[in-house]
Amino acid sequence: QDKDVVAWNSMIVGYAMHGFSQDALELF
């Protein structure tokens, strides 16, 4: 609940490091 930008960043970076680039860009 009440996600901050740090939480969003963590998931975006997570997708990126796994090579799930499209998911990372969509979440951004």
mmCIF file of all heavy atoms, coordinates in Angstrom:
data_MODEL
# 
_entry.id   MODEL 
# 
loop_
_atom_site.group_PDB 
_atom_site.id 
_atom_site.type_symbol 
_atom_site.label_atom_id 
_atom_site.label_alt_id 
_atom_site.label_comp_id 
_atom_site.label_asym_id 
_atom_site.label_entity_id 
_atom_site.label_seq_id 
_atom_site.pdbx_PDB_ins_code 
_atom_site.Cartn_x 
_atom_site.Cartn_y 
_atom_site.Cartn_z 
_atom_site.occupancy 
_atom_site.B_iso_or_equiv 
_atom_site.pdbx_formal_charge 
_atom_site.auth_seq_id 
_atom_site.auth_comp_id 
_atom_site.auth_asym_id 
_atom_site.auth_atom_id 
_atom_site.pdbx_PDB_model_num 
ATOM 1   N N   . GLN A 1 1  ? 0.847  -1.186  0.000   1.00 0.00 ? 1  GLN A N   1 
ATOM 2   C CA  . GLN A 1 1  ? 0.000  0.000   0.000   1.00 0.00 ? 1  GLN A CA  1 
ATOM 3   C C   . GLN A 1 1  ? 0.888  1.243   0.000   1.00 0.00 ? 1  GLN A C   1 
ATOM 4   O O   . GLN A 1 1  ? 1.943  1.260   0.600   1.00 0.00 ? 1  GLN A O   1 
ATOM 5   C CB  . GLN A 1 1  ? -0.892 0.008   1.250   1.00 0.00 ? 1  GLN A CB  1 
ATOM 6   C CG  . GLN A 1 1  ? -1.806 -1.213  1.372   1.00 0.00 ? 1  GLN A CG  1 
ATOM 7   C CD  . GLN A 1 1  ? -2.833 -1.288  0.253   1.00 0.00 ? 1  GLN A CD  1 
ATOM 8   O OE1 . GLN A 1 1  ? -3.413 -0.277  -0.136  1.00 0.00 ? 1  GLN A OE1 1 
ATOM 9   N NE2 . GLN A 1 1  ? -3.068 -2.490  -0.268  1.00 0.00 ? 1  GLN A NE2 1 
ATOM 10  N N   . ASP A 1 2  ? 0.431  2.305   -0.652  1.00 0.00 ? 2  ASP A N   1 
ATOM 11  C CA  . ASP A 1 2  ? 1.156  3.582   -0.678  1.00 0.00 ? 2  ASP A CA  1 
ATOM 12  C C   . ASP A 1 2  ? 2.604  3.393   -1.137  1.00 0.00 ? 2  ASP A C   1 
ATOM 13  O O   . ASP A 1 2  ? 3.560  3.798   -0.465  1.00 0.00 ? 2  ASP A O   1 
ATOM 14  C CB  . ASP A 1 2  ? 1.128  4.240   0.702   1.00 0.00 ? 2  ASP A CB  1 
ATOM 15  C CG  . ASP A 1 2  ? -0.293 4.504   1.190   1.00 0.00 ? 2  ASP A CG  1 
ATOM 16  O OD1 . ASP A 1 2  ? -1.117 4.921   0.362   1.00 0.00 ? 2  ASP A OD1 1 
ATOM 17  O OD2 . ASP A 1 2  ? -0.559 4.280   2.378   1.00 0.00 ? 2  ASP A OD2 1 
ATOM 18  N N   . LYS A 1 3  ? 2.755  2.771   -2.293  1.00 0.00 ? 3  LYS A N   1 
ATOM 19  C CA  . LYS A 1 3  ? 4.104  2.555   -2.835  1.00 0.00 ? 3  LYS A CA  1 
ATOM 20  C C   . LYS A 1 3  ? 4.785  3.899   -3.100  1.00 0.00 ? 3  LYS A C   1 
ATOM 21  O O   . LYS A 1 3  ? 4.159  4.832   -3.601  1.00 0.00 ? 3  LYS A O   1 
ATOM 22  C CB  . LYS A 1 3  ? 4.022  1.747   -4.136  1.00 0.00 ? 3  LYS A CB  1 
ATOM 23  C CG  . LYS A 1 3  ? 3.677  0.300   -3.956  1.00 0.00 ? 3  LYS A CG  1 
ATOM 24  C CD  . LYS A 1 3  ? 3.765  -0.451  -5.266  1.00 0.00 ? 3  LYS A CD  1 
ATOM 25  C CE  . LYS A 1 3  ? 2.518  -0.330  -6.092  1.00 0.00 ? 3  LYS A CE  1 
ATOM 26  N NZ  . LYS A 1 3  ? 1.415  -1.152  -5.576  1.00 0.00 ? 3  LYS A NZ  1 
ATOM 27  N N   . ASP A 1 4  ? 6.086  3.968   -2.779  1.00 0.00 ? 4  ASP A N   1 
ATOM 28  C CA  . ASP A 1 4  ? 6.862  5.147   -3.135  1.00 0.00 ? 4  ASP A CA  1 
ATOM 29  C C   . ASP A 1 4  ? 7.710  4.827   -4.363  1.00 0.00 ? 4  ASP A C   1 
ATOM 30  O O   . ASP A 1 4  ? 7.710  3.701   -4.866  1.00 0.00 ? 4  ASP A O   1 
ATOM 31  C CB  . ASP A 1 4  ? 7.727  5.630   -1.964  1.00 0.00 ? 4  ASP A CB  1 
ATOM 32  C CG  . ASP A 1 4  ? 8.700  4.560   -1.476  1.00 0.00 ? 4  ASP A CG  1 
ATOM 33  O OD1 . ASP A 1 4  ? 8.857  3.521   -2.168  1.00 0.00 ? 4  ASP A OD1 1 
ATOM 34  O OD2 . ASP A 1 4  ? 9.302  4.757   -0.407  1.00 0.00 ? 4  ASP A OD2 1 
ATOM 35  N N   . VAL A 1 5  ? 8.456  5.819   -4.850  1.00 0.00 ? 5  VAL A N   1 
ATOM 36  C CA  . VAL A 1 5  ? 9.226  5.624   -6.073  1.00 0.00 ? 5  VAL A CA  1 
ATOM 37  C C   . VAL A 1 5  ? 10.313 4.574   -5.882  1.00 0.00 ? 5  VAL A C   1 
ATOM 38  O O   . VAL A 1 5  ? 10.713 3.898   -6.845  1.00 0.00 ? 5  VAL A O   1 
ATOM 39  C CB  . VAL A 1 5  ? 9.829  6.972   -6.537  1.00 0.00 ? 5  VAL A CB  1 
ATOM 40  C CG1 . VAL A 1 5  ? 10.926 7.442   -5.596  1.00 0.00 ? 5  VAL A CG1 1 
ATOM 41  C CG2 . VAL A 1 5  ? 10.351 6.889   -7.967  1.00 0.00 ? 5  VAL A CG2 1 
ATOM 42  N N   . VAL A 1 6  ? 10.781 4.399   -4.630  1.00 0.00 ? 6  VAL A N   1 
ATOM 43  C CA  . VAL A 1 6  ? 11.813 3.392   -4.360  1.00 0.00 ? 6  VAL A CA  1 
ATOM 44  C C   . VAL A 1 6  ? 11.276 1.990   -4.637  1.00 0.00 ? 6  VAL A C   1 
ATOM 45  O O   . VAL A 1 6  ? 11.976 1.135   -5.198  1.00 0.00 ? 6  VAL A O   1 
ATOM 46  C CB  . VAL A 1 6  ? 12.317 3.504   -2.906  1.00 0.00 ? 6  VAL A CB  1 
ATOM 47  C CG1 . VAL A 1 6  ? 13.386 2.457   -2.620  1.00 0.00 ? 6  VAL A CG1 1 
ATOM 48  C CG2 . VAL A 1 6  ? 12.862 4.897   -2.622  1.00 0.00 ? 6  VAL A CG2 1 
ATOM 49  N N   . ALA A 1 7  ? 10.027 1.744   -4.244  1.00 0.00 ? 7  ALA A N   1 
ATOM 50  C CA  . ALA A 1 7  ? 9.409  0.437   -4.502  1.00 0.00 ? 7  ALA A CA  1 
ATOM 51  C C   . ALA A 1 7  ? 9.246  0.201   -6.011  1.00 0.00 ? 7  ALA A C   1 
ATOM 52  O O   . ALA A 1 7  ? 9.526  -0.899  -6.509  1.00 0.00 ? 7  ALA A O   1 
ATOM 53  C CB  . ALA A 1 7  ? 8.059  0.349   -3.794  1.00 0.00 ? 7  ALA A CB  1 
ATOM 54  N N   . TRP A 1 8  ? 8.803  1.225   -6.721  1.00 0.00 ? 8  TRP A N   1 
ATOM 55  C CA  . TRP A 1 8  ? 8.677  1.102   -8.183  1.00 0.00 ? 8  TRP A CA  1 
ATOM 56  C C   . TRP A 1 8  ? 10.037 0.817   -8.818  1.00 0.00 ? 8  TRP A C   1 
ATOM 57  O O   . TRP A 1 8  ? 10.167 -0.051  -9.682  1.00 0.00 ? 8  TRP A O   1 
ATOM 58  C CB  . TRP A 1 8  ? 8.092  2.395   -8.767  1.00 0.00 ? 8  TRP A CB  1 
ATOM 59  C CG  . TRP A 1 8  ? 6.623  2.570   -8.521  1.00 0.00 ? 8  TRP A CG  1 
ATOM 60  C CD1 . TRP A 1 8  ? 6.023  3.127   -7.435  1.00 0.00 ? 8  TRP A CD1 1 
ATOM 61  C CD2 . TRP A 1 8  ? 5.546  2.172   -9.397  1.00 0.00 ? 8  TRP A CD2 1 
ATOM 62  N NE1 . TRP A 1 8  ? 4.655  3.098   -7.571  1.00 0.00 ? 8  TRP A NE1 1 
ATOM 63  C CE2 . TRP A 1 8  ? 4.331  2.527   -8.765  1.00 0.00 ? 8  TRP A CE2 1 
ATOM 64  C CE3 . TRP A 1 8  ? 5.495  1.576   -10.648 1.00 0.00 ? 8  TRP A CE3 1 
ATOM 65  C CZ2 . TRP A 1 8  ? 3.083  2.298   -9.346  1.00 0.00 ? 8  TRP A CZ2 1 
ATOM 66  C CZ3 . TRP A 1 8  ? 4.253  1.338   -11.235 1.00 0.00 ? 8  TRP A CZ3 1 
ATOM 67  C CH2 . TRP A 1 8  ? 3.066  1.696   -10.590 1.00 0.00 ? 8  TRP A CH2 1 
ATOM 68  N N   . ASN A 1 9  ? 11.044 1.563   -8.363  1.00 0.00 ? 9  ASN A N   1 
ATOM 69  C CA  . ASN A 1 9  ? 12.389 1.360   -8.910  1.00 0.00 ? 9  ASN A CA  1 
ATOM 70  C C   . ASN A 1 9  ? 12.888 -0.059  -8.701  1.00 0.00 ? 9  ASN A C   1 
ATOM 71  O O   . ASN A 1 9  ? 13.509 -0.661  -9.579  1.00 0.00 ? 9  ASN A O   1 
ATOM 72  C CB  . ASN A 1 9  ? 13.377 2.330   -8.249  1.00 0.00 ? 9  ASN A CB  1 
ATOM 73  C CG  . ASN A 1 9  ? 13.192 3.761   -8.718  1.00 0.00 ? 9  ASN A CG  1 
ATOM 74  O OD1 . ASN A 1 9  ? 12.537 4.008   -9.727  1.00 0.00 ? 9  ASN A OD1 1 
ATOM 75  N ND2 . ASN A 1 9  ? 13.763 4.695   -7.990  1.00 0.00 ? 9  ASN A ND2 1 
ATOM 76  N N   . SER A 1 10 ? 12.632 -0.603  -7.503  1.00 0.00 ? 10 SER A N   1 
ATOM 77  C CA  . SER A 1 10 ? 13.103 -1.942  -7.171  1.00 0.00 ? 10 SER A CA  1 
ATOM 78  C C   . SER A 1 10 ? 12.523 -2.975  -8.130  1.00 0.00 ? 10 SER A C   1 
ATOM 79  O O   . SER A 1 10 ? 13.226 -3.886  -8.584  1.00 0.00 ? 10 SER A O   1 
ATOM 80  C CB  . SER A 1 10 ? 12.722 -2.274  -5.728  1.00 0.00 ? 10 SER A CB  1 
ATOM 81  O OG  . SER A 1 10 ? 13.336 -3.464  -5.310  1.00 0.00 ? 10 SER A OG  1 
ATOM 82  N N   . MET A 1 11 ? 11.236 -2.836  -8.460  1.00 0.00 ? 11 MET A N   1 
ATOM 83  C CA  . MET A 1 11 ? 10.604 -3.790  -9.375  1.00 0.00 ? 11 MET A CA  1 
ATOM 84  C C   . MET A 1 11 ? 11.085 -3.580  -10.807 1.00 0.00 ? 11 MET A C   1 
ATOM 85  O O   . MET A 1 11 ? 11.322 -4.546  -11.549 1.00 0.00 ? 11 MET A O   1 
ATOM 86  C CB  . MET A 1 11 ? 9.079  -3.628  -9.290  1.00 0.00 ? 11 MET A CB  1 
ATOM 87  C CG  . MET A 1 11 ? 8.293  -4.777  -9.903  1.00 0.00 ? 11 MET A CG  1 
ATOM 88  S SD  . MET A 1 11 ? 8.480  -6.326  -9.014  1.00 0.00 ? 11 MET A SD  1 
ATOM 89  C CE  . MET A 1 11 ? 9.154  -7.383  -10.285 1.00 0.00 ? 11 MET A CE  1 
ATOM 90  N N   . ILE A 1 12 ? 11.262 -2.319  -11.213 1.00 0.00 ? 12 ILE A N   1 
ATOM 91  C CA  . ILE A 1 12 ? 11.748 -2.022  -12.572 1.00 0.00 ? 12 ILE A CA  1 
ATOM 92  C C   . ILE A 1 12 ? 13.151 -2.587  -12.763 1.00 0.00 ? 12 ILE A C   1 
ATOM 93  O O   . ILE A 1 12 ? 13.446 -3.255  -13.766 1.00 0.00 ? 12 ILE A O   1 
ATOM 94  C CB  . ILE A 1 12 ? 11.735 -0.495  -12.821 1.00 0.00 ? 12 ILE A CB  1 
ATOM 95  C CG1 . ILE A 1 12 ? 10.300 0.016   -12.904 1.00 0.00 ? 12 ILE A CG1 1 
ATOM 96  C CG2 . ILE A 1 12 ? 12.493 -0.142  -14.106 1.00 0.00 ? 12 ILE A CG2 1 
ATOM 97  C CD1 . ILE A 1 12 ? 10.167 1.534   -12.844 1.00 0.00 ? 12 ILE A CD1 1 
ATOM 98  N N   . VAL A 1 13 ? 14.037 -2.321  -11.794 1.00 0.00 ? 13 VAL A N   1 
ATOM 99  C CA  . VAL A 1 13 ? 15.416 -2.832  -11.860 1.00 0.00 ? 13 VAL A CA  1 
ATOM 100 C C   . VAL A 1 13 ? 15.414 -4.362  -11.837 1.00 0.00 ? 13 VAL A C   1 
ATOM 101 O O   . VAL A 1 13 ? 16.200 -5.013  -12.533 1.00 0.00 ? 13 VAL A O   1 
ATOM 102 C CB  . VAL A 1 13 ? 16.263 -2.267  -10.701 1.00 0.00 ? 13 VAL A CB  1 
ATOM 103 C CG1 . VAL A 1 13 ? 17.616 -2.961  -10.617 1.00 0.00 ? 13 VAL A CG1 1 
ATOM 104 C CG2 . VAL A 1 13 ? 16.453 -0.757  -10.865 1.00 0.00 ? 13 VAL A CG2 1 
ATOM 105 N N   . GLY A 1 14 ? 14.504 -4.945  -11.046 1.00 0.00 ? 14 GLY A N   1 
ATOM 106 C CA  . GLY A 1 14 ? 14.388 -6.404  -10.977 1.00 0.00 ? 14 GLY A CA  1 
ATOM 107 C C   . GLY A 1 14 ? 14.045 -7.010  -12.324 1.00 0.00 ? 14 GLY A C   1 
ATOM 108 O O   . GLY A 1 14 ? 14.668 -7.991  -12.761 1.00 0.00 ? 14 GLY A O   1 
ATOM 109 N N   . TYR A 1 15 ? 13.043 -6.444  -12.986 1.00 0.00 ? 15 TYR A N   1 
ATOM 110 C CA  . TYR A 1 15 ? 12.692 -6.924  -14.327 1.00 0.00 ? 15 TYR A CA  1 
ATOM 111 C C   . TYR A 1 15 ? 13.886 -6.796  -15.271 1.00 0.00 ? 15 TYR A C   1 
ATOM 112 O O   . TYR A 1 15 ? 14.170 -7.694  -16.068 1.00 0.00 ? 15 TYR A O   1 
ATOM 113 C CB  . TYR A 1 15 ? 11.523 -6.111  -14.888 1.00 0.00 ? 15 TYR A CB  1 
ATOM 114 C CG  . TYR A 1 15 ? 10.157 -6.599  -14.470 1.00 0.00 ? 15 TYR A CG  1 
ATOM 115 C CD1 . TYR A 1 15 ? 9.171  -5.701  -14.061 1.00 0.00 ? 15 TYR A CD1 1 
ATOM 116 C CD2 . TYR A 1 15 ? 9.820  -7.953  -14.517 1.00 0.00 ? 15 TYR A CD2 1 
ATOM 117 C CE1 . TYR A 1 15 ? 7.902  -6.132  -13.686 1.00 0.00 ? 15 TYR A CE1 1 
ATOM 118 C CE2 . TYR A 1 15 ? 8.554  -8.407  -14.157 1.00 0.00 ? 15 TYR A CE2 1 
ATOM 119 C CZ  . TYR A 1 15 ? 7.597  -7.489  -13.747 1.00 0.00 ? 15 TYR A CZ  1 
ATOM 120 O OH  . TYR A 1 15 ? 6.348  -7.931  -13.388 1.00 0.00 ? 15 TYR A OH  1 
ATOM 121 N N   . ALA A 1 16 ? 14.586 -5.661  -15.179 1.00 0.00 ? 16 ALA A N   1 
ATOM 122 C CA  . ALA A 1 16 ? 15.707 -5.422  -16.089 1.00 0.00 ? 16 ALA A CA  1 
ATOM 123 C C   . ALA A 1 16 ? 16.806 -6.450  -15.903 1.00 0.00 ? 16 ALA A C   1 
ATOM 124 O O   . ALA A 1 16 ? 17.340 -6.991  -16.883 1.00 0.00 ? 16 ALA A O   1 
ATOM 125 C CB  . ALA A 1 16 ? 16.253 -4.009  -15.873 1.00 0.00 ? 16 ALA A CB  1 
ATOM 126 N N   . MET A 1 17 ? 17.185 -6.736  -14.658 1.00 0.00 ? 17 MET A N   1 
ATOM 127 C CA  . MET A 1 17 ? 18.299 -7.658  -14.421 1.00 0.00 ? 17 MET A CA  1 
ATOM 128 C C   . MET A 1 17 ? 17.979 -9.086  -14.851 1.00 0.00 ? 17 MET A C   1 
ATOM 129 O O   . MET A 1 17 ? 18.878 -9.879  -15.107 1.00 0.00 ? 17 MET A O   1 
ATOM 130 C CB  . MET A 1 17 ? 18.724 -7.626  -12.944 1.00 0.00 ? 17 MET A CB  1 
ATOM 131 C CG  . MET A 1 17 ? 17.816 -8.336  -11.988 1.00 0.00 ? 17 MET A CG  1 
ATOM 132 S SD  . MET A 1 17 ? 18.525 -8.540  -10.331 1.00 0.00 ? 17 MET A SD  1 
ATOM 133 C CE  . MET A 1 17 ? 18.509 -6.879  -9.715  1.00 0.00 ? 17 MET A CE  1 
ATOM 134 N N   . HIS A 1 18 ? 16.675 -9.390  -14.966 1.00 0.00 ? 18 HIS A N   1 
ATOM 135 C CA  . HIS A 1 18 ? 16.280 -10.720 -15.446 1.00 0.00 ? 18 HIS A CA  1 
ATOM 136 C C   . HIS A 1 18 ? 16.098 -10.750 -16.965 1.00 0.00 ? 18 HIS A C   1 
ATOM 137 O O   . HIS A 1 18 ? 15.755 -11.794 -17.516 1.00 0.00 ? 18 HIS A O   1 
ATOM 138 C CB  . HIS A 1 18 ? 14.985 -11.154 -14.765 1.00 0.00 ? 18 HIS A CB  1 
ATOM 139 C CG  . HIS A 1 18 ? 15.192 -11.659 -13.378 1.00 0.00 ? 18 HIS A CG  1 
ATOM 140 N ND1 . HIS A 1 18 ? 15.426 -12.981 -13.090 1.00 0.00 ? 18 HIS A ND1 1 
ATOM 141 C CD2 . HIS A 1 18 ? 15.234 -11.018 -12.192 1.00 0.00 ? 18 HIS A CD2 1 
ATOM 142 C CE1 . HIS A 1 18 ? 15.589 -13.138 -11.793 1.00 0.00 ? 18 HIS A CE1 1 
ATOM 143 N NE2 . HIS A 1 18 ? 15.485 -11.952 -11.223 1.00 0.00 ? 18 HIS A NE2 1 
ATOM 144 N N   . GLY A 1 19 ? 16.312 -9.595  -17.606 1.00 0.00 ? 19 GLY A N   1 
ATOM 145 C CA  . GLY A 1 19 ? 16.158 -9.559  -19.057 1.00 0.00 ? 19 GLY A CA  1 
ATOM 146 C C   . GLY A 1 19 ? 14.726 -9.399  -19.508 1.00 0.00 ? 19 GLY A C   1 
ATOM 147 O O   . GLY A 1 19 ? 14.435 -9.505  -20.708 1.00 0.00 ? 19 GLY A O   1 
ATOM 148 N N   . PHE A 1 20 ? 13.813 -9.126  -18.574 1.00 0.00 ? 20 PHE A N   1 
ATOM 149 C CA  . PHE A 1 20 ? 12.406 -8.911  -18.932 1.00 0.00 ? 20 PHE A CA  1 
ATOM 150 C C   . PHE A 1 20 ? 12.231 -7.423  -19.246 1.00 0.00 ? 20 PHE A C   1 
ATOM 151 O O   . PHE A 1 20 ? 11.558 -6.669  -18.519 1.00 0.00 ? 20 PHE A O   1 
ATOM 152 C CB  . PHE A 1 20 ? 11.487 -9.344  -17.798 1.00 0.00 ? 20 PHE A CB  1 
ATOM 153 C CG  . PHE A 1 20 ? 11.625 -10.804 -17.416 1.00 0.00 ? 20 PHE A CG  1 
ATOM 154 C CD1 . PHE A 1 20 ? 11.301 -11.242 -16.154 1.00 0.00 ? 20 PHE A CD1 1 
ATOM 155 C CD2 . PHE A 1 20 ? 12.083 -11.732 -18.335 1.00 0.00 ? 20 PHE A CD2 1 
ATOM 156 C CE1 . PHE A 1 20 ? 11.432 -12.578 -15.802 1.00 0.00 ? 20 PHE A CE1 1 
ATOM 157 C CE2 . PHE A 1 20 ? 12.221 -13.069 -18.006 1.00 0.00 ? 20 PHE A CE2 1 
ATOM 158 C CZ  . PHE A 1 20 ? 11.893 -13.502 -16.735 1.00 0.00 ? 20 PHE A CZ  1 
ATOM 159 N N   . SER A 1 21 ? 12.861 -7.031  -20.347 1.00 0.00 ? 21 SER A N   1 
ATOM 160 C CA  . SER A 1 21 ? 12.971 -5.607  -20.673 1.00 0.00 ? 21 SER A CA  1 
ATOM 161 C C   . SER A 1 21 ? 11.625 -4.954  -20.930 1.00 0.00 ? 21 SER A C   1 
ATOM 162 O O   . SER A 1 21 ? 11.378 -3.822  -20.491 1.00 0.00 ? 21 SER A O   1 
ATOM 163 C CB  . SER A 1 21 ? 13.869 -5.431  -21.896 1.00 0.00 ? 21 SER A CB  1 
ATOM 164 O OG  . SER A 1 21 ? 15.159 -5.945  -21.629 1.00 0.00 ? 21 SER A OG  1 
ATOM 165 N N   . GLN A 1 22 ? 10.749 -5.643  -21.639 1.00 0.00 ? 22 GLN A N   1 
ATOM 166 C CA  . GLN A 1 22 ? 9.453  -5.062  -21.948 1.00 0.00 ? 22 GLN A CA  1 
ATOM 167 C C   . GLN A 1 22 ? 8.644  -4.802  -20.686 1.00 0.00 ? 22 GLN A C   1 
ATOM 168 O O   . GLN A 1 22 ? 7.994  -3.765  -20.546 1.00 0.00 ? 22 GLN A O   1 
ATOM 169 C CB  . GLN A 1 22 ? 8.667  -5.985  -22.901 1.00 0.00 ? 22 GLN A CB  1 
ATOM 170 C CG  . GLN A 1 22 ? 7.551  -5.293  -23.658 1.00 0.00 ? 22 GLN A CG  1 
ATOM 171 C CD  . GLN A 1 22 ? 8.049  -4.110  -24.494 1.00 0.00 ? 22 GLN A CD  1 
ATOM 172 O OE1 . GLN A 1 22 ? 9.079  -4.203  -25.163 1.00 0.00 ? 22 GLN A OE1 1 
ATOM 173 N NE2 . GLN A 1 22 ? 7.334  -2.994  -24.441 1.00 0.00 ? 22 GLN A NE2 1 
ATOM 174 N N   . ASP A 1 23 ? 8.704  -5.741  -19.730 1.00 0.00 ? 23 ASP A N   1 
ATOM 175 C CA  . ASP A 1 23 ? 8.003  -5.557  -18.461 1.00 0.00 ? 23 ASP A CA  1 
ATOM 176 C C   . ASP A 1 23 ? 8.554  -4.347  -17.710 1.00 0.00 ? 23 ASP A C   1 
ATOM 177 O O   . ASP A 1 23 ? 7.795  -3.575  -17.103 1.00 0.00 ? 23 ASP A O   1 
ATOM 178 C CB  . ASP A 1 23 ? 8.147  -6.809  -17.584 1.00 0.00 ? 23 ASP A CB  1 
ATOM 179 C CG  . ASP A 1 23 ? 7.460  -8.013  -18.182 1.00 0.00 ? 23 ASP A CG  1 
ATOM 180 O OD1 . ASP A 1 23 ? 6.226  -8.012  -18.235 1.00 0.00 ? 23 ASP A OD1 1 
ATOM 181 O OD2 . ASP A 1 23 ? 8.160  -8.940  -18.593 1.00 0.00 ? 23 ASP A OD2 1 
ATOM 182 N N   . ALA A 1 24 ? 9.879  -4.181  -17.740 1.00 0.00 ? 24 ALA A N   1 
ATOM 183 C CA  . ALA A 1 24 ? 10.509 -3.053  -17.052 1.00 0.00 ? 24 ALA A CA  1 
ATOM 184 C C   . ALA A 1 24 ? 10.059 -1.731  -17.651 1.00 0.00 ? 24 ALA A C   1 
ATOM 185 O O   . ALA A 1 24 ? 9.709  -0.787  -16.923 1.00 0.00 ? 24 ALA A O   1 
ATOM 186 C CB  . ALA A 1 24 ? 12.030 -3.181  -17.128 1.00 0.00 ? 24 ALA A CB  1 
ATOM 187 N N   . LEU A 1 25 ? 10.043 -1.651  -18.981 1.00 0.00 ? 25 LEU A N   1 
ATOM 188 C CA  . LEU A 1 25 ? 9.662  -0.404  -19.654 1.00 0.00 ? 25 LEU A CA  1 
ATOM 189 C C   . LEU A 1 25 ? 8.184  -0.101  -19.466 1.00 0.00 ? 25 LEU A C   1 
ATOM 190 O O   . LEU A 1 25 ? 7.788  1.058   -19.276 1.00 0.00 ? 25 LEU A O   1 
ATOM 191 C CB  . LEU A 1 25 ? 10.011 -0.477  -21.144 1.00 0.00 ? 25 LEU A CB  1 
ATOM 192 C CG  . LEU A 1 25 ? 11.506 -0.650  -21.457 1.00 0.00 ? 25 LEU A CG  1 
ATOM 193 C CD1 . LEU A 1 25 ? 11.738 -0.719  -22.952 1.00 0.00 ? 25 LEU A CD1 1 
ATOM 194 C CD2 . LEU A 1 25 ? 12.325 0.488   -20.861 1.00 0.00 ? 25 LEU A CD2 1 
ATOM 195 N N   . GLU A 1 26 ? 7.354  -1.138  -19.490 1.00 0.00 ? 26 GLU A N   1 
ATOM 196 C CA  . GLU A 1 26 ? 5.911  -0.933  -19.262 1.00 0.00 ? 26 GLU A CA  1 
ATOM 197 C C   . GLU A 1 26 ? 5.643  -0.435  -17.849 1.00 0.00 ? 26 GLU A C   1 
ATOM 198 O O   . GLU A 1 26 ? 4.808  0.459   -17.639 1.00 0.00 ? 26 GLU A O   1 
ATOM 199 C CB  . GLU A 1 26 ? 5.155  -2.245  -19.510 1.00 0.00 ? 26 GLU A CB  1 
ATOM 200 C CG  . GLU A 1 26 ? 5.028  -2.615  -20.979 1.00 0.00 ? 26 GLU A CG  1 
ATOM 201 C CD  . GLU A 1 26 ? 4.348  -3.963  -21.188 1.00 0.00 ? 26 GLU A CD  1 
ATOM 202 O OE1 . GLU A 1 26 ? 3.915  -4.575  -20.181 1.00 0.00 ? 26 GLU A OE1 1 
ATOM 203 O OE2 . GLU A 1 26 ? 4.250  -4.401  -22.352 1.00 0.00 ? 26 GLU A OE2 1 
ATOM 204 N N   . LEU A 1 27 ? 6.356  -0.996  -16.873 1.00 0.00 ? 27 LEU A N   1 
ATOM 205 C CA  . LEU A 1 27 ? 6.160  -0.576  -15.483 1.00 0.00 ? 27 LEU A CA  1 
ATOM 206 C C   . LEU A 1 27 ? 6.643  0.863   -15.290 1.00 0.00 ? 27 LEU A C   1 
ATOM 207 O O   . LEU A 1 27 ? 6.026  1.638   -14.545 1.00 0.00 ? 27 LEU A O   1 
ATOM 208 C CB  . LEU A 1 27 ? 6.905  -1.523  -14.540 1.00 0.00 ? 27 LEU A CB  1 
ATOM 209 C CG  . LEU A 1 27 ? 6.493  -1.454  -13.063 1.00 0.00 ? 27 LEU A CG  1 
ATOM 210 C CD1 . LEU A 1 27 ? 5.036  -1.849  -12.884 1.00 0.00 ? 27 LEU A CD1 1 
ATOM 211 C CD2 . LEU A 1 27 ? 7.377  -2.361  -12.215 1.00 0.00 ? 27 LEU A CD2 1 
ATOM 212 N N   . PHE A 1 28 ? 7.730  1.229   -15.960 1.00 0.00 ? 28 PHE A N   1 
ATOM 213 C CA  . PHE A 1 28 ? 8.231  2.600   -15.882 1.00 0.00 ? 28 PHE A CA  1 
ATOM 214 C C   . PHE A 1 28 ? 7.192  3.583   -16.423 1.00 0.00 ? 28 PHE A C   1 
ATOM 215 O O   . PHE A 1 28 ? 6.911  4.620   -15.804 1.00 0.00 ? 28 PHE A O   1 
ATOM 216 C CB  . PHE A 1 28 ? 9.535  2.719   -16.674 1.00 0.00 ? 28 PHE A CB  1 
ATOM 217 C CG  . PHE A 1 28 ? 10.098 4.108   -16.730 1.00 0.00 ? 28 PHE A CG  1 
ATOM 218 C CD1 . PHE A 1 28 ? 10.735 4.662   -15.623 1.00 0.00 ? 28 PHE A CD1 1 
ATOM 219 C CD2 . PHE A 1 28 ? 9.999  4.866   -17.894 1.00 0.00 ? 28 PHE A CD2 1 
ATOM 220 C CE1 . PHE A 1 28 ? 11.274 5.947   -15.673 1.00 0.00 ? 28 PHE A CE1 1 
ATOM 221 C CE2 . PHE A 1 28 ? 10.526 6.159   -17.955 1.00 0.00 ? 28 PHE A CE2 1 
ATOM 222 C CZ  . PHE A 1 28 ? 11.156 6.698   -16.843 1.00 0.00 ? 28 PHE A CZ  1 
# 
